[in-house]
Amino acid sequence: MALYTVDVYSGSSDSIIQDSHADGVIVKATQGTSYVNPCCNHQWDLAGQLGKLRGLYHYAGGGNPESEAQYFINNIKNYVG
């Protein structure tokens, strides 16, 4: 079975998340070691309210990969569990 999943970031409209064809939503959470998506909480919550599968991702900024991975983990730890 295929899943139709949409990718959203801070500039994405809520209508992308609300698309009735979308089974899941993957939200850009962080980038590099200094950027956090200011819409991440809203986008995550909206997808959950609509019963969508949810995921988060980090957009690599080209810096130290270990530092970027730790930055991502530090910023998403409240979503996990």
PDB file of N, CA and C in Angstrom:
ATOM      1  N   MET A   1       0.840  -1.177   0.000  1.00  0.00           N
ATOM      2  CA  MET A   1       0.000   0.000   0.000  1.00  0.00           C
ATOM      3  C   MET A   1       0.886   1.241   0.000  1.00  0.00           C
ATOM      4  N   ALA A   2       0.624   2.142  -0.886  1.00  0.00           N
ATOM      5  CA  ALA A   2       1.387   3.386  -0.957  1.00  0.00           C
ATOM      6  C   ALA A   2       0.789   4.425  -0.012  1.00  0.00           C
ATOM      7  N   LEU A   3       1.660   5.227   0.565  1.00  0.00           N
ATOM      8  CA  LEU A   3       1.222   6.332   1.411  1.00  0.00           C
ATOM      9  C   LEU A   3       1.581   7.631   0.717  1.00  0.00           C
ATOM     10  N   TYR A   4       0.644   8.542   0.654  1.00  0.00           N
ATOM     11  CA  TYR A   4       0.885   9.867   0.106  1.00  0.00           C
ATOM     12  C   TYR A   4       1.271  10.762   1.278  1.00  0.00           C
ATOM     13  N   THR A   5       2.493  11.222   1.278  1.00  0.00           N
ATOM     14  CA  THR A   5       3.020  12.025   2.385  1.00  0.00           C
ATOM     15  C   THR A   5       3.510  13.354   1.858  1.00  0.00           C
ATOM     16  N   VAL A   6       3.181  14.425   2.572  1.00  0.00           N
ATOM     17  CA  VAL A   6       3.606  15.760   2.170  1.00  0.00           C
ATOM     18  C   VAL A   6       4.718  16.252   3.087  1.00  0.00           C
ATOM     19  N   ASP A   7       5.560  17.097   2.530  1.00  0.00           N
ATOM     20  CA  ASP A   7       6.704  17.691   3.220  1.00  0.00           C
ATOM     21  C   ASP A   7       6.368  19.161   3.439  1.00  0.00           C
ATOM     22  N   VAL A   8       6.406  19.611   4.690  1.00  0.00           N
ATOM     23  CA  VAL A   8       6.113  21.013   4.967  1.00  0.00           C
ATOM     24  C   VAL A   8       7.271  21.688   5.690  1.00  0.00           C
ATOM     25  N   TYR A   9       7.356  22.989   5.504  1.00  0.00           N
ATOM     26  CA  TYR A   9       8.392  23.822   6.121  1.00  0.00           C
ATOM     27  C   TYR A   9       7.718  25.119   6.545  1.00  0.00           C
ATOM     28  N   SER A  10       8.464  26.069   7.051  1.00  0.00           N
ATOM     29  CA  SER A  10       7.863  27.282   7.610  1.00  0.00           C
ATOM     30  C   SER A  10       7.028  28.075   6.611  1.00  0.00           C
ATOM     31  N   GLY A  11       7.322  27.978   5.335  1.00  0.00           N
ATOM     32  CA  GLY A  11       6.579  28.725   4.325  1.00  0.00           C
ATOM     33  C   GLY A  11       5.393  27.974   3.750  1.00  0.00           C
ATOM     34  N   SER A  12       5.099  26.794   4.266  1.00  0.00           N
ATOM     35  CA  SER A  12       4.006  25.987   3.734  1.00  0.00           C
ATOM     36  C   SER A  12       2.658  26.440   4.276  1.00  0.00           C
ATOM     37  N   SER A  13       1.684  26.373   3.422  1.00  0.00           N
ATOM     38  CA  SER A  13       0.307  26.693   3.796  1.00  0.00           C
ATOM     39  C   SER A  13      -0.316  25.519   4.555  1.00  0.00           C
ATOM     40  N   ASP A  14      -1.226  25.826   5.475  1.00  0.00           N
ATOM     41  CA  ASP A  14      -1.944  24.766   6.194  1.00  0.00           C
ATOM     42  C   ASP A  14      -2.718  23.869   5.236  1.00  0.00           C
ATOM     43  N   SER A  15      -3.094  24.398   4.076  1.00  0.00           N
ATOM     44  CA  SER A  15      -3.876  23.604   3.128  1.00  0.00           C
ATOM     45  C   SER A  15      -3.101  22.372   2.658  1.00  0.00           C
ATOM     46  N   ILE A  16      -1.776  22.433   2.675  1.00  0.00           N
ATOM     47  CA  ILE A  16      -0.976  21.265   2.295  1.00  0.00           C
ATOM     48  C   ILE A  16      -1.180  20.153   3.316  1.00  0.00           C
ATOM     49  N   ILE A  17      -1.176  20.510   4.589  1.00  0.00           N
ATOM     50  CA  ILE A  17      -1.393  19.531   5.657  1.00  0.00           C
ATOM     51  C   ILE A  17      -2.832  19.021   5.614  1.00  0.00           C
ATOM     52  N   GLN A  18      -3.764  19.901   5.284  1.00  0.00           N
ATOM     53  CA  GLN A  18      -5.185  19.553   5.268  1.00  0.00           C
ATOM     54  C   GLN A  18      -5.606  18.777   4.022  1.00  0.00           C
ATOM     55  N   ASP A  19      -4.717  18.591   3.065  1.00  0.00           N
ATOM     56  CA  ASP A  19      -5.034  17.859   1.839  1.00  0.00           C
ATOM     57  C   ASP A  19      -5.605  16.494   2.205  1.00  0.00           C
ATOM     58  N   SER A  20      -6.808  16.236   1.767  1.00  0.00           N
ATOM     59  CA  SER A  20      -7.476  14.977   2.137  1.00  0.00           C
ATOM     60  C   SER A  20      -6.783  13.758   1.549  1.00  0.00           C
ATOM     61  N   HIS A  21      -5.939  13.938   0.541  1.00  0.00           N
ATOM     62  CA  HIS A  21      -5.209  12.817  -0.046  1.00  0.00           C
ATOM     63  C   HIS A  21      -3.965  12.450   0.765  1.00  0.00           C
ATOM     64  N   ALA A  22      -3.514  13.362   1.613  1.00  0.00           N
ATOM     65  CA  ALA A  22      -2.280  13.138   2.373  1.00  0.00           C
ATOM     66  C   ALA A  22      -2.531  12.211   3.555  1.00  0.00           C
ATOM     67  N   ASP A  23      -1.801  11.102   3.566  1.00  0.00           N
ATOM     68  CA  ASP A  23      -1.869  10.165   4.691  1.00  0.00           C
ATOM     69  C   ASP A  23      -0.934  10.590   5.816  1.00  0.00           C
ATOM     70  N   GLY A  24       0.133  11.293   5.439  1.00  0.00           N
ATOM     71  CA  GLY A  24       1.135  11.680   6.416  1.00  0.00           C
ATOM     72  C   GLY A  24       1.751  13.027   6.103  1.00  0.00           C
ATOM     73  N   VAL A  25       2.401  13.573   7.112  1.00  0.00           N
ATOM     74  CA  VAL A  25       3.053  14.880   7.000  1.00  0.00           C
ATOM     75  C   VAL A  25       4.440  14.763   7.619  1.00  0.00           C
ATOM     76  N   ILE A  26       5.448  15.222   6.885  1.00  0.00           N
ATOM     77  CA  ILE A  26       6.803  15.281   7.411  1.00  0.00           C
ATOM     78  C   ILE A  26       7.167  16.751   7.534  1.00  0.00           C
ATOM     79  N   VAL A  27       7.466  17.173   8.745  1.00  0.00           N
ATOM     80  CA  VAL A  27       7.700  18.585   9.057  1.00  0.00           C
ATOM     81  C   VAL A  27       9.193  18.863   9.197  1.00  0.00           C
ATOM     82  N   LYS A  28       9.664  19.875   8.481  1.00  0.00           N
ATOM     83  CA  LYS A  28      11.047  20.326   8.669  1.00  0.00           C
ATOM     84  C   LYS A  28      11.125  20.953  10.056  1.00  0.00           C
ATOM     85  N   ALA A  29      11.971  20.413  10.899  1.00  0.00           N
ATOM     86  CA  ALA A  29      12.105  20.909  12.269  1.00  0.00           C
ATOM     87  C   ALA A  29      13.287  21.866  12.416  1.00  0.00           C
ATOM     88  N   THR A  30      14.428  21.481  11.841  1.00  0.00           N
ATOM     89  CA  THR A  30      15.650  22.258  12.046  1.00  0.00           C
ATOM     90  C   THR A  30      16.486  22.277  10.774  1.00  0.00           C
ATOM     91  N   GLN A  31      17.476  23.180  10.791  1.00  0.00           N
ATOM     92  CA  GLN A  31      18.469  23.249   9.714  1.00  0.00           C
ATOM     93  C   GLN A  31      19.765  23.757  10.315  1.00  0.00           C
ATOM     94  N   GLY A  32      20.859  23.135   9.892  1.00  0.00           N
ATOM     95  CA  GLY A  32      22.155  23.557  10.410  1.00  0.00           C
ATOM     96  C   GLY A  32      22.218  23.399  11.919  1.00  0.00           C
ATOM     97  N   THR A  33      22.796  24.415  12.584  1.00  0.00           N
ATOM     98  CA  THR A  33      22.863  24.393  14.053  1.00  0.00           C
ATOM     99  C   THR A  33      22.295  25.666  14.662  1.00  0.00           C
ATOM    100  N   SER A  34      21.467  26.382  13.889  1.00  0.00           N
ATOM    101  CA  SER A  34      20.908  27.613  14.457  1.00  0.00           C
ATOM    102  C   SER A  34      19.462  27.881  14.049  1.00  0.00           C
ATOM    103  N   TYR A  35      18.895  27.073  13.159  1.00  0.00           N
ATOM    104  CA  TYR A  35      17.538  27.341  12.685  1.00  0.00           C
ATOM    105  C   TYR A  35      16.556  26.323  13.223  1.00  0.00           C
ATOM    106  N   VAL A  36      15.442  26.833  13.761  1.00  0.00           N
ATOM    107  CA  VAL A  36      14.307  26.006  14.160  1.00  0.00           C
ATOM    108  C   VAL A  36      13.086  26.556  13.425  1.00  0.00           C
ATOM    109  N   ASN A  37      12.343  25.681  12.779  1.00  0.00           N
ATOM    110  CA  ASN A  37      11.136  26.075  12.064  1.00  0.00           C
ATOM    111  C   ASN A  37      10.154  26.703  13.056  1.00  0.00           C
ATOM    112  N   PRO A  38       9.823  27.995  12.897  1.00  0.00           N
ATOM    113  CA  PRO A  38       8.917  28.646  13.846  1.00  0.00           C
ATOM    114  C   PRO A  38       7.481  28.126  13.760  1.00  0.00           C
ATOM    115  N   CYS A  39       7.153  27.382  12.713  1.00  0.00           N
ATOM    116  CA  CYS A  39       5.806  26.830  12.538  1.00  0.00           C
ATOM    117  C   CYS A  39       5.730  25.350  12.895  1.00  0.00           C
ATOM    118  N   CYS A  40       6.832  24.780  13.349  1.00  0.00           N
ATOM    119  CA  CYS A  40       6.908  23.343  13.584  1.00  0.00           C
ATOM    120  C   CYS A  40       5.822  22.854  14.542  1.00  0.00           C
ATOM    121  N   ASN A  41       5.659  23.484  15.678  1.00  0.00           N
ATOM    122  CA  ASN A  41       4.655  23.034  16.647  1.00  0.00           C
ATOM    123  C   ASN A  41       3.259  23.074  16.039  1.00  0.00           C
ATOM    124  N   HIS A  42       2.925  24.167  15.379  1.00  0.00           N
ATOM    125  CA  HIS A  42       1.599  24.298  14.762  1.00  0.00           C
ATOM    126  C   HIS A  42       1.381  23.229  13.697  1.00  0.00           C
ATOM    127  N   GLN A  43       2.375  23.037  12.828  1.00  0.00           N
ATOM    128  CA  GLN A  43       2.237  22.065  11.753  1.00  0.00           C
ATOM    129  C   GLN A  43       2.120  20.641  12.302  1.00  0.00           C
ATOM    130  N   TRP A  44       2.916  20.332  13.297  1.00  0.00           N
ATOM    131  CA  TRP A  44       2.871  19.013  13.948  1.00  0.00           C
ATOM    132  C   TRP A  44       1.502  18.780  14.583  1.00  0.00           C
ATOM    133  N   ASP A  45       1.040  19.776  15.337  1.00  0.00           N
ATOM    134  CA  ASP A  45      -0.242  19.639  16.020  1.00  0.00           C
ATOM    135  C   ASP A  45      -1.406  19.518  15.033  1.00  0.00           C
ATOM    136  N   LEU A  46      -1.394  20.332  13.979  1.00  0.00           N
ATOM    137  CA  LEU A  46      -2.468  20.273  12.988  1.00  0.00           C
ATOM    138  C   LEU A  46      -2.523  18.901  12.330  1.00  0.00           C
ATOM    139  N   ALA A  47      -1.386  18.380  11.955  1.00  0.00           N
ATOM    140  CA  ALA A  47      -1.350  17.044  11.347  1.00  0.00           C
ATOM    141  C   ALA A  47      -1.911  15.999  12.309  1.00  0.00           C
ATOM    142  N   GLY A  48      -1.561  16.101  13.585  1.00  0.00           N
ATOM    143  CA  GLY A  48      -2.079  15.167  14.579  1.00  0.00           C
ATOM    144  C   GLY A  48      -3.576  15.287  14.763  1.00  0.00           C
ATOM    145  N   GLN A  49      -4.079  16.512  14.795  1.00  0.00           N
ATOM    146  CA  GLN A  49      -5.520  16.737  14.935  1.00  0.00           C
ATOM    147  C   GLN A  49      -6.295  16.134  13.769  1.00  0.00           C
ATOM    148  N   LEU A  50      -5.668  16.093  12.613  1.00  0.00           N
ATOM    149  CA  LEU A  50      -6.307  15.550  11.413  1.00  0.00           C
ATOM    150  C   LEU A  50      -6.083  14.044  11.261  1.00  0.00           C
ATOM    151  N   GLY A  51      -5.398  13.439  12.227  1.00  0.00           N
ATOM    152  CA  GLY A  51      -5.180  12.001  12.214  1.00  0.00           C
ATOM    153  C   GLY A  51      -4.136  11.533  11.208  1.00  0.00           C
ATOM    154  N   LYS A  52      -3.228  12.420  10.823  1.00  0.00           N
ATOM    155  CA  LYS A  52      -2.204  12.072   9.842  1.00  0.00           C
ATOM    156  C   LYS A  52      -1.009  11.401  10.536  1.00  0.00           C
ATOM    157  N   LEU A  53      -0.325  10.547   9.819  1.00  0.00           N
ATOM    158  CA  LEU A  53       0.961  10.041  10.279  1.00  0.00           C
ATOM    159  C   LEU A  53       1.914  11.227  10.282  1.00  0.00           C
ATOM    160  N   ARG A  54       2.845  11.271  11.232  1.00  0.00           N
ATOM    161  CA  ARG A  54       3.726  12.436  11.340  1.00  0.00           C
ATOM    162  C   ARG A  54       5.182  12.032  11.468  1.00  0.00           C
ATOM    163  N   GLY A  55       6.028  12.893  10.915  1.00  0.00           N
ATOM    164  CA  GLY A  55       7.461  12.726  11.042  1.00  0.00           C
ATOM    165  C   GLY A  55       8.128  14.085  11.051  1.00  0.00           C
ATOM    166  N   LEU A  56       9.371  14.105  11.488  1.00  0.00           N
ATOM    167  CA  LEU A  56      10.167  15.337  11.535  1.00  0.00           C
ATOM    168  C   LEU A  56      11.472  15.097  10.802  1.00  0.00           C
ATOM    169  N   TYR A  57      12.033  16.154  10.227  1.00  0.00           N
ATOM    170  CA  TYR A  57      13.339  15.995   9.599  1.00  0.00           C
ATOM    171  C   TYR A  57      14.220  17.208   9.834  1.00  0.00           C
ATOM    172  N   HIS A  58      15.505  16.978   9.667  1.00  0.00           N
ATOM    173  CA  HIS A  58      16.536  18.010   9.768  1.00  0.00           C
ATOM    174  C   HIS A  58      17.093  18.247   8.375  1.00  0.00           C
ATOM    175  N   TYR A  59      17.187  19.501   7.973  1.00  0.00           N
ATOM    176  CA  TYR A  59      17.794  19.856   6.693  1.00  0.00           C
ATOM    177  C   TYR A  59      19.260  20.168   6.958  1.00  0.00           C
ATOM    178  N   ALA A  60      20.141  19.349   6.419  1.00  0.00           N
ATOM    179  CA  ALA A  60      21.574  19.517   6.662  1.00  0.00           C
ATOM    180  C   ALA A  60      22.053  20.857   6.122  1.00  0.00           C
ATOM    181  N   GLY A  61      22.800  21.559   6.940  1.00  0.00           N
ATOM    182  CA  GLY A  61      23.298  22.872   6.562  1.00  0.00           C
ATOM    183  C   GLY A  61      24.719  22.865   6.049  1.00  0.00           C
ATOM    184  N   GLY A  62      25.340  21.695   5.991  1.00  0.00           N
ATOM    185  CA  GLY A  62      26.697  21.596   5.481  1.00  0.00           C
ATOM    186  C   GLY A  62      27.781  21.781   6.522  1.00  0.00           C
ATOM    187  N   GLY A  63      27.372  21.864   7.790  1.00  0.00           N
ATOM    188  CA  GLY A  63      28.344  22.007   8.865  1.00  0.00           C
ATOM    189  C   GLY A  63      28.791  20.647   9.383  1.00  0.00           C
ATOM    190  N   ASN A  64      29.256  20.639  10.608  1.00  0.00           N
ATOM    191  CA  ASN A  64      29.688  19.407  11.252  1.00  0.00           C
ATOM    192  C   ASN A  64      28.481  18.483  11.418  1.00  0.00           C
ATOM    193  N   PRO A  65      28.513  17.286  10.818  1.00  0.00           N
ATOM    194  CA  PRO A  65      27.338  16.413  10.868  1.00  0.00           C
ATOM    195  C   PRO A  65      26.961  15.970  12.275  1.00  0.00           C
ATOM    196  N   GLU A  66      27.936  15.751  13.135  1.00  0.00           N
ATOM    197  CA  GLU A  66      27.614  15.352  14.509  1.00  0.00           C
ATOM    198  C   GLU A  66      26.940  16.490  15.264  1.00  0.00           C
ATOM    199  N   SER A  67      27.424  17.708  15.075  1.00  0.00           N
ATOM    200  CA  SER A  67      26.820  18.870  15.731  1.00  0.00           C
ATOM    201  C   SER A  67      25.394  19.099  15.230  1.00  0.00           C
ATOM    202  N   GLU A  68      25.204  18.924  13.920  1.00  0.00           N
ATOM    203  CA  GLU A  68      23.865  19.104  13.353  1.00  0.00           C
ATOM    204  C   GLU A  68      22.907  18.031  13.855  1.00  0.00           C
ATOM    205  N   ALA A  69      23.377  16.800  13.934  1.00  0.00           N
ATOM    206  CA  ALA A  69      22.529  15.723  14.443  1.00  0.00           C
ATOM    207  C   ALA A  69      22.142  15.975  15.894  1.00  0.00           C
ATOM    208  N   GLN A  70      23.086  16.421  16.703  1.00  0.00           N
ATOM    209  CA  GLN A  70      22.790  16.708  18.099  1.00  0.00           C
ATOM    210  C   GLN A  70      21.819  17.877  18.229  1.00  0.00           C
ATOM    211  N   TYR A  71      21.982  18.886  17.383  1.00  0.00           N
ATOM    212  CA  TYR A  71      21.078  20.041  17.378  1.00  0.00           C
ATOM    213  C   TYR A  71      19.648  19.578  17.077  1.00  0.00           C
ATOM    214  N   PHE A  72      19.508  18.713  16.084  1.00  0.00           N
ATOM    215  CA  PHE A  72      18.199  18.165  15.726  1.00  0.00           C
ATOM    216  C   PHE A  72      17.598  17.398  16.897  1.00  0.00           C
ATOM    217  N   ILE A  73      18.371  16.501  17.464  1.00  0.00           N
ATOM    218  CA  ILE A  73      17.879  15.689  18.600  1.00  0.00           C
ATOM    219  C   ILE A  73      17.469  16.577  19.764  1.00  0.00           C
ATOM    220  N   ASN A  74      18.279  17.577  20.076  1.00  0.00           N
ATOM    221  CA  ASN A  74      17.948  18.470  21.184  1.00  0.00           C
ATOM    222  C   ASN A  74      16.642  19.216  20.956  1.00  0.00           C
ATOM    223  N   ASN A  75      16.353  19.514  19.703  1.00  0.00           N
ATOM    224  CA  ASN A  75      15.148  20.293  19.392  1.00  0.00           C
ATOM    225  C   ASN A  75      13.895  19.482  19.180  1.00  0.00           C
ATOM    226  N   ILE A  76      14.029  18.176  18.972  1.00  0.00           N
ATOM    227  CA  ILE A  76      12.827  17.355  18.759  1.00  0.00           C
ATOM    228  C   ILE A  76      12.530  16.403  19.905  1.00  0.00           C
ATOM    229  N   LYS A  77      13.349  16.397  20.935  1.00  0.00           N
ATOM    230  CA  LYS A  77      13.191  15.389  21.992  1.00  0.00           C
ATOM    231  C   LYS A  77      11.811  15.433  22.647  1.00  0.00           C
ATOM    232  N   ASN A  78      11.145  16.565  22.661  1.00  0.00           N
ATOM    233  CA  ASN A  78       9.809  16.635  23.264  1.00  0.00           C
ATOM    234  C   ASN A  78       8.727  16.011  22.382  1.00  0.00           C
ATOM    235  N   TYR A  79       9.034  15.759  21.112  1.00  0.00           N
ATOM    236  CA  TYR A  79       8.087  15.119  20.201  1.00  0.00           C
ATOM    237  C   TYR A  79       8.160  13.605  20.280  1.00  0.00           C
ATOM    238  N   VAL A  80       9.232  13.083  20.832  1.00  0.00           N
ATOM    239  CA  VAL A  80       9.494  11.647  20.827  1.00  0.00           C
ATOM    240  C   VAL A  80       9.032  11.028  22.131  1.00  0.00           C
ATOM    241  N   GLY A  81       8.437   9.847  22.010  1.00  0.00           N
ATOM    242  CA  GLY A  81       8.110   9.122  23.217  1.00  0.00           C
ATOM    243  C   GLY A  81       6.657   8.797  23.365  1.00  0.00           C
TER     244      GLY A  81
END
